[in-house]
Amino acid sequence: MNAIMTKFDIDTAEHRTPKWEGLSEIDQAIRDNRVMEYRIKKSWADPWGRKLTVAGLAVILGVFLFLAGASFGLW
């Protein structure tokens, strides 16, 4: 790109585009959300990742059910 455009053309192109400083946080959040979604999909595609996710959710659900049962006086 630098072989075709001169330094003057690059500088003037940068000055024409407005800098949206206030939207940088939104852009970062969108980018992070996509990365998180990719990581979740990639982890779910992995057999060990899927087993660990299901086991972790089962443990959390078991603890929640135990505490709910204890609060109702079932044991």
C-alpha atoms as a PDB file:
ATOM      1  CA  MET A   1       0.000   0.000   0.000  1.00  0.00           C
ATOM      2  CA  ASN A   2       2.862   2.372   0.675  1.00  0.00           C
ATOM      3  CA  ALA A   3       4.316   1.678  -2.759  1.00  0.00           C
ATOM      4  CA  ILE A   4       1.199   3.083  -4.406  1.00  0.00           C
ATOM      5  CA  MET A   5       0.255   5.850  -1.997  1.00  0.00           C
ATOM      6  CA  THR A   6       2.610   8.603  -1.056  1.00  0.00           C
ATOM      7  CA  LYS A   7       3.111   9.694   2.519  1.00  0.00           C
ATOM      8  CA  PHE A   8       1.083  12.818   1.761  1.00  0.00           C
ATOM      9  CA  ASP A   9      -1.900  10.692   0.659  1.00  0.00           C
ATOM     10  CA  ILE A  10      -1.733   8.562   3.817  1.00  0.00           C
ATOM     11  CA  ASP A  11      -1.571  11.637   6.089  1.00  0.00           C
ATOM     12  CA  THR A  12      -4.526  13.327   4.407  1.00  0.00           C
ATOM     13  CA  ALA A  13      -6.572  10.115   4.559  1.00  0.00           C
ATOM     14  CA  GLU A  14      -5.976   9.918   8.305  1.00  0.00           C
ATOM     15  CA  HIS A  15      -7.096  13.506   8.792  1.00  0.00           C
ATOM     16  CA  ARG A  16     -10.318  12.986   6.861  1.00  0.00           C
ATOM     17  CA  THR A  17     -11.554  10.071   8.954  1.00  0.00           C
ATOM     18  CA  PRO A  18     -13.004  11.233  12.288  1.00  0.00           C
ATOM     19  CA  LYS A  19     -11.653   9.703  15.454  1.00  0.00           C
ATOM     20  CA  TRP A  20     -14.504   8.290  17.522  1.00  0.00           C
ATOM     21  CA  GLU A  21     -12.889   8.215  20.953  1.00  0.00           C
ATOM     22  CA  GLY A  22     -16.199   7.660  22.767  1.00  0.00           C
ATOM     23  CA  LEU A  23     -17.042   4.538  20.799  1.00  0.00           C
ATOM     24  CA  SER A  24     -13.800   2.709  21.527  1.00  0.00           C
ATOM     25  CA  GLU A  25     -15.268   1.060  24.649  1.00  0.00           C
ATOM     26  CA  ILE A  26     -18.287  -0.176  22.686  1.00  0.00           C
ATOM     27  CA  ASP A  27     -15.994  -1.506  19.981  1.00  0.00           C
ATOM     28  CA  GLN A  28     -13.912  -3.311  22.582  1.00  0.00           C
ATOM     29  CA  ALA A  29     -17.018  -4.823  24.204  1.00  0.00           C
ATOM     30  CA  ILE A  30     -18.283  -6.094  20.873  1.00  0.00           C
ATOM     31  CA  ARG A  31     -14.881  -7.573  20.112  1.00  0.00           C
ATOM     32  CA  ASP A  32     -14.679  -9.235  23.552  1.00  0.00           C
ATOM     33  CA  ASN A  33     -18.178 -10.664  23.188  1.00  0.00           C
ATOM     34  CA  ARG A  34     -17.224 -12.297  19.911  1.00  0.00           C
ATOM     35  CA  VAL A  35     -14.079 -13.733  21.448  1.00  0.00           C
ATOM     36  CA  MET A  36     -16.058 -15.142  24.384  1.00  0.00           C
ATOM     37  CA  GLU A  37     -18.639 -16.671  22.050  1.00  0.00           C
ATOM     38  CA  TYR A  38     -15.838 -18.264  20.008  1.00  0.00           C
ATOM     39  CA  ARG A  39     -14.204 -19.673  23.123  1.00  0.00           C
ATOM     40  CA  ILE A  40     -17.490 -21.145  24.356  1.00  0.00           C
ATOM     41  CA  LYS A  41     -18.201 -22.780  20.996  1.00  0.00           C
ATOM     42  CA  LYS A  42     -14.656 -24.109  20.744  1.00  0.00           C
ATOM     43  CA  SER A  43     -14.772 -25.487  24.297  1.00  0.00           C
ATOM     44  CA  TRP A  44     -18.143 -27.142  23.679  1.00  0.00           C
ATOM     45  CA  ALA A  45     -16.769 -28.801  20.526  1.00  0.00           C
ATOM     46  CA  ASP A  46     -13.956 -30.366  22.566  1.00  0.00           C
ATOM     47  CA  PRO A  47     -15.117 -33.634  24.217  1.00  0.00           C
ATOM     48  CA  TRP A  48     -13.187 -32.985  27.457  1.00  0.00           C
ATOM     49  CA  GLY A  49     -14.382 -29.401  27.606  1.00  0.00           C
ATOM     50  CA  ARG A  50     -17.975 -30.552  27.211  1.00  0.00           C
ATOM     51  CA  LYS A  51     -17.571 -33.176  29.957  1.00  0.00           C
ATOM     52  CA  LEU A  52     -16.019 -30.663  32.351  1.00  0.00           C
ATOM     53  CA  THR A  53     -18.764 -28.129  31.629  1.00  0.00           C
ATOM     54  CA  VAL A  54     -21.519 -30.666  32.276  1.00  0.00           C
ATOM     55  CA  ALA A  55     -19.771 -31.947  35.414  1.00  0.00           C
ATOM     56  CA  GLY A  56     -19.288 -28.409  36.737  1.00  0.00           C
ATOM     57  CA  LEU A  57     -22.924 -27.510  36.143  1.00  0.00           C
ATOM     58  CA  ALA A  58     -24.011 -30.767  37.802  1.00  0.00           C
ATOM     59  CA  VAL A  59     -21.942 -29.963  40.905  1.00  0.00           C
ATOM     60  CA  ILE A  60     -23.352 -26.422  41.084  1.00  0.00           C
ATOM     61  CA  LEU A  61     -26.902 -27.754  40.665  1.00  0.00           C
ATOM     62  CA  GLY A  62     -26.280 -30.447  43.311  1.00  0.00           C
ATOM     63  CA  VAL A  63     -25.030 -27.907  45.846  1.00  0.00           C
ATOM     64  CA  PHE A  64     -27.972 -25.624  45.103  1.00  0.00           C
ATOM     65  CA  LEU A  65     -30.470 -28.472  45.539  1.00  0.00           C
ATOM     66  CA  PHE A  66     -28.798 -29.572  48.769  1.00  0.00           C
ATOM     67  CA  LEU A  67     -28.959 -26.061  50.209  1.00  0.00           C
ATOM     68  CA  ALA A  68     -32.570 -25.628  49.082  1.00  0.00           C
ATOM     69  CA  GLY A  69     -33.524 -28.949  50.670  1.00  0.00           C
ATOM     70  CA  ALA A  70     -31.729 -28.045  53.898  1.00  0.00           C
ATOM     71  CA  SER A  71     -33.520 -24.705  54.078  1.00  0.00           C
ATOM     72  CA  PHE A  72     -36.886 -26.443  53.731  1.00  0.00           C
ATOM     73  CA  GLY A  73     -35.961 -28.927  56.460  1.00  0.00           C
ATOM     74  CA  LEU A  74     -35.847 -32.036  54.270  1.00  0.00           C
ATOM     75  CA  TRP A  75     -32.618 -33.232  55.972  1.00  0.00           C
END
